[in-house]
Amino acid sequence: MTLTVDIPDDLAADLGAGFQNLGHAALEALAAEAFSKEVLSLEQIRRMLALGSLWEAQAMLSRHGMWPDQSAEEILADARRSFDFRHAIP
């Protein structure tokens, strides 16, 4: 989908100067808002922004003042991986 946004000319220059890539900044803001309203998942955010990993998606959300919640299953899986890793080291 292509989305077009009209910005008054007197503000466009200021916005353009304030962001390295205004279109990407707007897309990130939309993604963060969609995540906060539970419209998009972390994986969908990753795909929307063409990010290489969920870590990058989490970092982007963190820059927007959000941190994705983890499910109990994700927390337990992380704990199991940590336990396994710790016991794999001689």
PDB file of N, CA and C in Angstrom:
ATOM      1  N   MET A   1       0.838  -1.165   0.000  1.00  0.00           N
ATOM      2  CA  MET A   1       0.000   0.000   0.000  1.00  0.00           C
ATOM      3  C   MET A   1       0.890   1.237   0.000  1.00  0.00           C
ATOM      4  N   THR A   2       0.487   2.205  -0.744  1.00  0.00           N
ATOM      5  CA  THR A   2       1.172   3.487  -0.746  1.00  0.00           C
ATOM      6  C   THR A   2       0.293   4.478  -0.004  1.00  0.00           C
ATOM      7  N   LEU A   3       0.890   5.213   0.907  1.00  0.00           N
ATOM      8  CA  LEU A   3       0.179   6.195   1.709  1.00  0.00           C
ATOM      9  C   LEU A   3       0.783   7.564   1.436  1.00  0.00           C
ATOM     10  N   THR A   4      -0.055   8.514   1.116  1.00  0.00           N
ATOM     11  CA  THR A   4       0.408   9.871   0.848  1.00  0.00           C
ATOM     12  C   THR A   4      -0.076  10.779   1.976  1.00  0.00           C
ATOM     13  N   VAL A   5       0.826  11.610   2.462  1.00  0.00           N
ATOM     14  CA  VAL A   5       0.507  12.533   3.543  1.00  0.00           C
ATOM     15  C   VAL A   5       0.752  13.949   3.052  1.00  0.00           C
ATOM     16  N   ASP A   6      -0.227  14.815   3.228  1.00  0.00           N
ATOM     17  CA  ASP A   6      -0.070  16.221   2.858  1.00  0.00           C
ATOM     18  C   ASP A   6       0.408  17.008   4.072  1.00  0.00           C
ATOM     19  N   ILE A   7       1.519  17.704   3.900  1.00  0.00           N
ATOM     20  CA  ILE A   7       2.100  18.531   4.953  1.00  0.00           C
ATOM     21  C   ILE A   7       2.188  19.950   4.405  1.00  0.00           C
ATOM     22  N   PRO A   8       1.742  20.935   5.176  1.00  0.00           N
ATOM     23  CA  PRO A   8       1.851  22.319   4.702  1.00  0.00           C
ATOM     24  C   PRO A   8       3.288  22.662   4.320  1.00  0.00           C
ATOM     25  N   ASP A   9       3.442  23.395   3.231  1.00  0.00           N
ATOM     26  CA  ASP A   9       4.769  23.723   2.707  1.00  0.00           C
ATOM     27  C   ASP A   9       5.669  24.380   3.745  1.00  0.00           C
ATOM     28  N   ASP A  10       5.100  25.246   4.585  1.00  0.00           N
ATOM     29  CA  ASP A  10       5.941  25.944   5.561  1.00  0.00           C
ATOM     30  C   ASP A  10       6.466  25.000   6.646  1.00  0.00           C
ATOM     31  N   LEU A  11       5.845  23.843   6.824  1.00  0.00           N
ATOM     32  CA  LEU A  11       6.327  22.869   7.799  1.00  0.00           C
ATOM     33  C   LEU A  11       7.197  21.783   7.163  1.00  0.00           C
ATOM     34  N   ALA A  12       7.021  21.564   5.885  1.00  0.00           N
ATOM     35  CA  ALA A  12       7.733  20.488   5.196  1.00  0.00           C
ATOM     36  C   ALA A  12       9.248  20.670   5.276  1.00  0.00           C
ATOM     37  N   ALA A  13       9.721  21.876   5.086  1.00  0.00           N
ATOM     38  CA  ALA A  13      11.167  22.125   5.132  1.00  0.00           C
ATOM     39  C   ALA A  13      11.716  21.860   6.530  1.00  0.00           C
ATOM     40  N   ASP A  14      10.994  22.307   7.551  1.00  0.00           N
ATOM     41  CA  ASP A  14      11.446  22.072   8.925  1.00  0.00           C
ATOM     42  C   ASP A  14      11.472  20.577   9.236  1.00  0.00           C
ATOM     43  N   LEU A  15      10.425  19.867   8.838  1.00  0.00           N
ATOM     44  CA  LEU A  15      10.384  18.433   9.081  1.00  0.00           C
ATOM     45  C   LEU A  15      11.481  17.712   8.304  1.00  0.00           C
ATOM     46  N   GLY A  16      11.676  18.105   7.064  1.00  0.00           N
ATOM     47  CA  GLY A  16      12.723  17.496   6.246  1.00  0.00           C
ATOM     48  C   GLY A  16      14.100  17.691   6.843  1.00  0.00           C
ATOM     49  N   ALA A  17      14.322  18.850   7.437  1.00  0.00           N
ATOM     50  CA  ALA A  17      15.619  19.131   8.050  1.00  0.00           C
ATOM     51  C   ALA A  17      15.801  18.386   9.369  1.00  0.00           C
ATOM     52  N   GLY A  18      14.698  18.046  10.018  1.00  0.00           N
ATOM     53  CA  GLY A  18      14.771  17.403  11.329  1.00  0.00           C
ATOM     54  C   GLY A  18      14.913  15.896  11.287  1.00  0.00           C
ATOM     55  N   PHE A  19      14.718  15.296  10.118  1.00  0.00           N
ATOM     56  CA  PHE A  19      14.774  13.844   9.998  1.00  0.00           C
ATOM     57  C   PHE A  19      15.621  13.463   8.799  1.00  0.00           C
ATOM     58  N   GLN A  20      16.471  12.459   8.989  1.00  0.00           N
ATOM     59  CA  GLN A  20      17.295  11.986   7.887  1.00  0.00           C
ATOM     60  C   GLN A  20      16.420  11.386   6.789  1.00  0.00           C
ATOM     61  N   ASN A  21      15.385  10.633   7.184  1.00  0.00           N
ATOM     62  CA  ASN A  21      14.461  10.024   6.234  1.00  0.00           C
ATOM     63  C   ASN A  21      13.062  10.197   6.802  1.00  0.00           C
ATOM     64  N   LEU A  22      12.380  11.236   6.371  1.00  0.00           N
ATOM     65  CA  LEU A  22      11.077  11.581   6.925  1.00  0.00           C
ATOM     66  C   LEU A  22      10.058  10.473   6.699  1.00  0.00           C
ATOM     67  N   GLY A  23      10.080   9.869   5.528  1.00  0.00           N
ATOM     68  CA  GLY A  23       9.135   8.787   5.238  1.00  0.00           C
ATOM     69  C   GLY A  23       9.315   7.612   6.185  1.00  0.00           C
ATOM     70  N   HIS A  24      10.567   7.237   6.437  1.00  0.00           N
ATOM     71  CA  HIS A  24      10.833   6.120   7.342  1.00  0.00           C
ATOM     72  C   HIS A  24      10.451   6.483   8.782  1.00  0.00           C
ATOM     73  N   ALA A  25      10.713   7.727   9.175  1.00  0.00           N
ATOM     74  CA  ALA A  25      10.346   8.175  10.522  1.00  0.00           C
ATOM     75  C   ALA A  25       8.831   8.105  10.709  1.00  0.00           C
ATOM     76  N   ALA A  26       8.084   8.493   9.682  1.00  0.00           N
ATOM     77  CA  ALA A  26       6.615   8.416   9.753  1.00  0.00           C
ATOM     78  C   ALA A  26       6.156   6.969   9.827  1.00  0.00           C
ATOM     79  N   LEU A  27       6.800   6.090   9.059  1.00  0.00           N
ATOM     80  CA  LEU A  27       6.447   4.675   9.070  1.00  0.00           C
ATOM     81  C   LEU A  27       6.736   4.051  10.440  1.00  0.00           C
ATOM     82  N   GLU A  28       7.863   4.415  11.037  1.00  0.00           N
ATOM     83  CA  GLU A  28       8.175   3.921  12.384  1.00  0.00           C
ATOM     84  C   GLU A  28       7.142   4.397  13.391  1.00  0.00           C
ATOM     85  N   ALA A  29       6.754   5.660  13.312  1.00  0.00           N
ATOM     86  CA  ALA A  29       5.762   6.197  14.244  1.00  0.00           C
ATOM     87  C   ALA A  29       4.423   5.467  14.085  1.00  0.00           C
ATOM     88  N   LEU A  30       4.037   5.189  12.846  1.00  0.00           N
ATOM     89  CA  LEU A  30       2.805   4.444  12.591  1.00  0.00           C
ATOM     90  C   LEU A  30       2.913   3.033  13.154  1.00  0.00           C
ATOM     91  N   ALA A  31       4.056   2.385  12.936  1.00  0.00           N
ATOM     92  CA  ALA A  31       4.266   1.033  13.442  1.00  0.00           C
ATOM     93  C   ALA A  31       4.196   1.003  14.970  1.00  0.00           C
ATOM     94  N   ALA A  32       4.835   1.959  15.624  1.00  0.00           N
ATOM     95  CA  ALA A  32       4.826   2.017  17.087  1.00  0.00           C
ATOM     96  C   ALA A  32       3.406   2.234  17.608  1.00  0.00           C
ATOM     97  N   GLU A  33       2.662   3.101  16.975  1.00  0.00           N
ATOM     98  CA  GLU A  33       1.274   3.347  17.392  1.00  0.00           C
ATOM     99  C   GLU A  33       0.421   2.103  17.174  1.00  0.00           C
ATOM    100  N   ALA A  34       0.623   1.431  16.045  1.00  0.00           N
ATOM    101  CA  ALA A  34      -0.139   0.210  15.757  1.00  0.00           C
ATOM    102  C   ALA A  34       0.188  -0.875  16.773  1.00  0.00           C
ATOM    103  N   PHE A  35       1.450  -0.963  17.181  1.00  0.00           N
ATOM    104  CA  PHE A  35       1.840  -1.948  18.189  1.00  0.00           C
ATOM    105  C   PHE A  35       1.197  -1.609  19.532  1.00  0.00           C
ATOM    106  N   SER A  36       1.216  -0.333  19.905  1.00  0.00           N
ATOM    107  CA  SER A  36       0.658   0.069  21.206  1.00  0.00           C
ATOM    108  C   SER A  36      -0.839  -0.190  21.281  1.00  0.00           C
ATOM    109  N   LYS A  37      -1.514  -0.154  20.143  1.00  0.00           N
ATOM    110  CA  LYS A  37      -2.961  -0.415  20.102  1.00  0.00           C
ATOM    111  C   LYS A  37      -3.271  -1.882  19.815  1.00  0.00           C
ATOM    112  N   GLU A  38      -2.208  -2.704  19.808  1.00  0.00           N
ATOM    113  CA  GLU A  38      -2.321  -4.143  19.559  1.00  0.00           C
ATOM    114  C   GLU A  38      -2.943  -4.456  18.203  1.00  0.00           C
ATOM    115  N   VAL A  39      -2.644  -3.592  17.220  1.00  0.00           N
ATOM    116  CA  VAL A  39      -3.096  -3.809  15.849  1.00  0.00           C
ATOM    117  C   VAL A  39      -2.089  -4.699  15.114  1.00  0.00           C
ATOM    118  N   LEU A  40      -0.796  -4.490  15.386  1.00  0.00           N
ATOM    119  CA  LEU A  40       0.265  -5.269  14.762  1.00  0.00           C
ATOM    120  C   LEU A  40       1.119  -5.935  15.832  1.00  0.00           C
ATOM    121  N   SER A  41       1.605  -7.123  15.515  1.00  0.00           N
ATOM    122  CA  SER A  41       2.512  -7.850  16.413  1.00  0.00           C
ATOM    123  C   SER A  41       3.951  -7.393  16.169  1.00  0.00           C
ATOM    124  N   LEU A  42       4.836  -7.856  17.028  1.00  0.00           N
ATOM    125  CA  LEU A  42       6.248  -7.534  16.864  1.00  0.00           C
ATOM    126  C   LEU A  42       6.768  -8.072  15.532  1.00  0.00           C
ATOM    127  N   GLU A  43       6.363  -9.281  15.170  1.00  0.00           N
ATOM    128  CA  GLU A  43       6.786  -9.862  13.890  1.00  0.00           C
ATOM    129  C   GLU A  43       6.240  -9.042  12.723  1.00  0.00           C
ATOM    130  N   GLN A  44       5.012  -8.580  12.824  1.00  0.00           N
ATOM    131  CA  GLN A  44       4.449  -7.749  11.758  1.00  0.00           C
ATOM    132  C   GLN A  44       5.183  -6.420  11.652  1.00  0.00           C
ATOM    133  N   ILE A  45       5.572  -5.863  12.791  1.00  0.00           N
ATOM    134  CA  ILE A  45       6.360  -4.623  12.794  1.00  0.00           C
ATOM    135  C   ILE A  45       7.690  -4.869  12.089  1.00  0.00           C
ATOM    136  N   ARG A  46       8.326  -6.006  12.404  1.00  0.00           N
ATOM    137  CA  ARG A  46       9.594  -6.354  11.765  1.00  0.00           C
ATOM    138  C   ARG A  46       9.444  -6.406  10.248  1.00  0.00           C
ATOM    139  N   ARG A  47       8.380  -7.049   9.795  1.00  0.00           N
ATOM    140  CA  ARG A  47       8.142  -7.163   8.357  1.00  0.00           C
ATOM    141  C   ARG A  47       7.808  -5.808   7.738  1.00  0.00           C
ATOM    142  N   MET A  48       6.981  -5.024   8.412  1.00  0.00           N
ATOM    143  CA  MET A  48       6.563  -3.721   7.894  1.00  0.00           C
ATOM    144  C   MET A  48       7.762  -2.805   7.657  1.00  0.00           C
ATOM    145  N   LEU A  49       8.729  -2.873   8.550  1.00  0.00           N
ATOM    146  CA  LEU A  49       9.899  -1.999   8.458  1.00  0.00           C
ATOM    147  C   LEU A  49      11.093  -2.683   7.793  1.00  0.00           C
ATOM    148  N   ALA A  50      10.879  -3.907   7.304  1.00  0.00           N
ATOM    149  CA  ALA A  50      11.928  -4.686   6.630  1.00  0.00           C
ATOM    150  C   ALA A  50      13.172  -4.805   7.509  1.00  0.00           C
ATOM    151  N   LEU A  51      12.955  -5.128   8.776  1.00  0.00           N
ATOM    152  CA  LEU A  51      14.052  -5.283   9.722  1.00  0.00           C
ATOM    153  C   LEU A  51      14.541  -6.723   9.700  1.00  0.00           C
ATOM    154  N   GLY A  52      15.798  -6.918  10.012  1.00  0.00           N
ATOM    155  CA  GLY A  52      16.402  -8.234   9.928  1.00  0.00           C
ATOM    156  C   GLY A  52      16.070  -9.171  11.075  1.00  0.00           C
ATOM    157  N   SER A  53      15.640  -8.621  12.210  1.00  0.00           N
ATOM    158  CA  SER A  53      15.380  -9.480  13.362  1.00  0.00           C
ATOM    159  C   SER A  53      14.336  -8.840  14.273  1.00  0.00           C
ATOM    160  N   LEU A  54      13.813  -9.670  15.166  1.00  0.00           N
ATOM    161  CA  LEU A  54      12.881  -9.148  16.165  1.00  0.00           C
ATOM    162  C   LEU A  54      13.589  -8.206  17.124  1.00  0.00           C
ATOM    163  N   TRP A  55      14.903  -8.432  17.333  1.00  0.00           N
ATOM    164  CA  TRP A  55      15.679  -7.533  18.199  1.00  0.00           C
ATOM    165  C   TRP A  55      15.666  -6.117  17.640  1.00  0.00           C
ATOM    166  N   GLU A  56      15.797  -5.993  16.323  1.00  0.00           N
ATOM    167  CA  GLU A  56      15.761  -4.668  15.696  1.00  0.00           C
ATOM    168  C   GLU A  56      14.383  -4.036  15.868  1.00  0.00           C
ATOM    169  N   ALA A  57      13.346  -4.837  15.767  1.00  0.00           N
ATOM    170  CA  ALA A  57      11.981  -4.321  15.963  1.00  0.00           C
ATOM    171  C   ALA A  57      11.805  -3.858  17.406  1.00  0.00           C
ATOM    172  N   GLN A  58      12.327  -4.638  18.353  1.00  0.00           N
ATOM    173  CA  GLN A  58      12.247  -4.237  19.754  1.00  0.00           C
ATOM    174  C   GLN A  58      13.027  -2.948  20.005  1.00  0.00           C
ATOM    175  N   ALA A  59      14.188  -2.820  19.372  1.00  0.00           N
ATOM    176  CA  ALA A  59      14.994  -1.607  19.535  1.00  0.00           C
ATOM    177  C   ALA A  59      14.250  -0.391  19.001  1.00  0.00           C
ATOM    178  N   MET A  60      13.581  -0.557  17.853  1.00  0.00           N
ATOM    179  CA  MET A  60      12.813   0.555  17.293  1.00  0.00           C
ATOM    180  C   MET A  60      11.690   0.951  18.248  1.00  0.00           C
ATOM    181  N   LEU A  61      10.970  -0.032  18.780  1.00  0.00           N
ATOM    182  CA  LEU A  61       9.888   0.277  19.716  1.00  0.00           C
ATOM    183  C   LEU A  61      10.444   0.947  20.966  1.00  0.00           C
ATOM    184  N   SER A  62      11.610   0.506  21.417  1.00  0.00           N
ATOM    185  CA  SER A  62      12.243   1.117  22.584  1.00  0.00           C
ATOM    186  C   SER A  62      12.556   2.591  22.323  1.00  0.00           C
ATOM    187  N   ARG A  63      13.023   2.898  21.111  1.00  0.00           N
ATOM    188  CA  ARG A  63      13.297   4.302  20.764  1.00  0.00           C
ATOM    189  C   ARG A  63      12.023   5.137  20.801  1.00  0.00           C
ATOM    190  N   HIS A  64      10.883   4.484  20.636  1.00  0.00           N
ATOM    191  CA  HIS A  64       9.591   5.181  20.687  1.00  0.00           C
ATOM    192  C   HIS A  64       8.946   5.058  22.066  1.00  0.00           C
ATOM    193  N   GLY A  65       9.740   4.641  23.063  1.00  0.00           N
ATOM    194  CA  GLY A  65       9.264   4.588  24.443  1.00  0.00           C
ATOM    195  C   GLY A  65       8.413   3.379  24.775  1.00  0.00           C
ATOM    196  N   MET A  66       8.524   2.316  23.989  1.00  0.00           N
ATOM    197  CA  MET A  66       7.736   1.105  24.244  1.00  0.00           C
ATOM    198  C   MET A  66       8.661  -0.085  24.366  1.00  0.00           C
ATOM    199  N   TRP A  67       8.238  -1.046  25.142  1.00  0.00           N
ATOM    200  CA  TRP A  67       8.959  -2.306  25.211  1.00  0.00           C
ATOM    201  C   TRP A  67       7.929  -3.411  25.129  1.00  0.00           C
ATOM    202  N   PRO A  68       8.087  -4.289  24.153  1.00  0.00           N
ATOM    203  CA  PRO A  68       7.102  -5.361  23.983  1.00  0.00           C
ATOM    204  C   PRO A  68       7.030  -6.265  25.197  1.00  0.00           C
ATOM    205  N   ASP A  69       5.822  -6.596  25.593  1.00  0.00           N
ATOM    206  CA  ASP A  69       5.622  -7.552  26.676  1.00  0.00           C
ATOM    207  C   ASP A  69       5.999  -8.945  26.194  1.00  0.00           C
ATOM    208  N   GLN A  70       6.451  -9.754  27.115  1.00  0.00           N
ATOM    209  CA  GLN A  70       6.743 -11.137  26.799  1.00  0.00           C
ATOM    210  C   GLN A  70       5.675 -12.004  27.434  1.00  0.00           C
ATOM    211  N   SER A  71       5.308 -13.053  26.722  1.00  0.00           N
ATOM    212  CA  SER A  71       4.359 -14.004  27.287  1.00  0.00           C
ATOM    213  C   SER A  71       5.088 -14.867  28.313  1.00  0.00           C
ATOM    214  N   ALA A  72       4.333 -15.555  29.131  1.00  0.00           N
ATOM    215  CA  ALA A  72       4.923 -16.449  30.118  1.00  0.00           C
ATOM    216  C   ALA A  72       5.741 -17.533  29.420  1.00  0.00           C
ATOM    217  N   GLU A  73       5.248 -18.019  28.283  1.00  0.00           N
ATOM    218  CA  GLU A  73       5.965 -19.051  27.530  1.00  0.00           C
ATOM    219  C   GLU A  73       7.318 -18.531  27.041  1.00  0.00           C
ATOM    220  N   GLU A  74       7.365 -17.284  26.564  1.00  0.00           N
ATOM    221  CA  GLU A  74       8.622 -16.697  26.096  1.00  0.00           C
ATOM    222  C   GLU A  74       9.616 -16.531  27.241  1.00  0.00           C
ATOM    223  N   ILE A  75       9.123 -16.124  28.399  1.00  0.00           N
ATOM    224  CA  ILE A  75       9.991 -15.951  29.564  1.00  0.00           C
ATOM    225  C   ILE A  75      10.555 -17.295  30.001  1.00  0.00           C
ATOM    226  N   LEU A  76       9.705 -18.333  30.034  1.00  0.00           N
ATOM    227  CA  LEU A  76      10.175 -19.666  30.414  1.00  0.00           C
ATOM    228  C   LEU A  76      11.173 -20.216  29.397  1.00  0.00           C
ATOM    229  N   ALA A  77      10.935 -19.975  28.108  1.00  0.00           N
ATOM    230  CA  ALA A  77      11.870 -20.426  27.075  1.00  0.00           C
ATOM    231  C   ALA A  77      13.213 -19.722  27.231  1.00  0.00           C
ATOM    232  N   ASP A  78      13.199 -18.417  27.532  1.00  0.00           N
ATOM    233  CA  ASP A  78      14.447 -17.683  27.768  1.00  0.00           C
ATOM    234  C   ASP A  78      15.184 -18.254  28.981  1.00  0.00           C
ATOM    235  N   ALA A  79      14.438 -18.567  30.038  1.00  0.00           N
ATOM    236  CA  ALA A  79      15.058 -19.127  31.241  1.00  0.00           C
ATOM    237  C   ALA A  79      15.678 -20.491  30.941  1.00  0.00           C
ATOM    238  N   ARG A  80      14.982 -21.321  30.142  1.00  0.00           N
ATOM    239  CA  ARG A  80      15.528 -22.629  29.777  1.00  0.00           C
ATOM    240  C   ARG A  80      16.813 -22.477  28.957  1.00  0.00           C
ATOM    241  N   ARG A  81      16.802 -21.549  27.998  1.00  0.00           N
ATOM    242  CA  ARG A  81      18.008 -21.316  27.185  1.00  0.00           C
ATOM    243  C   ARG A  81      19.162 -20.835  28.055  1.00  0.00           C
ATOM    244  N   SER A  82      18.869 -19.957  28.993  1.00  0.00           N
ATOM    245  CA  SER A  82      19.903 -19.452  29.894  1.00  0.00           C
ATOM    246  C   SER A  82      20.460 -20.584  30.751  1.00  0.00           C
ATOM    247  N   PHE A  83      19.586 -21.417  31.278  1.00  0.00           N
ATOM    248  CA  PHE A  83      20.010 -22.556  32.090  1.00  0.00           C
ATOM    249  C   PHE A  83      20.874 -23.501  31.267  1.00  0.00           C
ATOM    250  N   ASP A  84      20.407 -23.835  30.062  1.00  0.00           N
ATOM    251  CA  ASP A  84      21.163 -24.740  29.189  1.00  0.00           C
ATOM    252  C   ASP A  84      22.528 -24.160  28.837  1.00  0.00           C
ATOM    253  N   PHE A  85      22.553 -22.865  28.522  1.00  0.00           N
ATOM    254  CA  PHE A  85      23.809 -22.216  28.164  1.00  0.00           C
ATOM    255  C   PHE A  85      24.781 -22.228  29.345  1.00  0.00           C
ATOM    256  N   ARG A  86      24.275 -21.884  30.509  1.00  0.00           N
ATOM    257  CA  ARG A  86      25.116 -21.822  31.707  1.00  0.00           C
ATOM    258  C   ARG A  86      25.720 -23.185  32.029  1.00  0.00           C
ATOM    259  N   HIS A  87      24.956 -24.252  31.801  1.00  0.00           N
ATOM    260  CA  HIS A  87      25.453 -25.596  32.112  1.00  0.00           C
ATOM    261  C   HIS A  87      26.269 -26.199  30.974  1.00  0.00           C
ATOM    262  N   ALA A  88      26.270 -25.577  29.832  1.00  0.00           N
ATOM    263  CA  ALA A  88      27.073 -26.073  28.699  1.00  0.00           C
ATOM    264  C   ALA A  88      28.512 -25.589  28.775  1.00  0.00           C
ATOM    265  N   ILE A  89      28.765 -24.588  29.582  1.00  0.00           N
ATOM    266  CA  ILE A  89      30.120 -24.027  29.727  1.00  0.00           C
ATOM    267  C   ILE A  89      30.886 -24.880  30.741  1.00  0.00           C
ATOM    268  N   PRO A  90      32.065 -25.388  30.324  1.00  0.00           N
ATOM    269  CA  PRO A  90      32.852 -26.261  31.246  1.00  0.00           C
ATOM    270  C   PRO A  90      33.387 -25.497  32.428  1.00  0.00           C
TER     271      PRO A  90
END
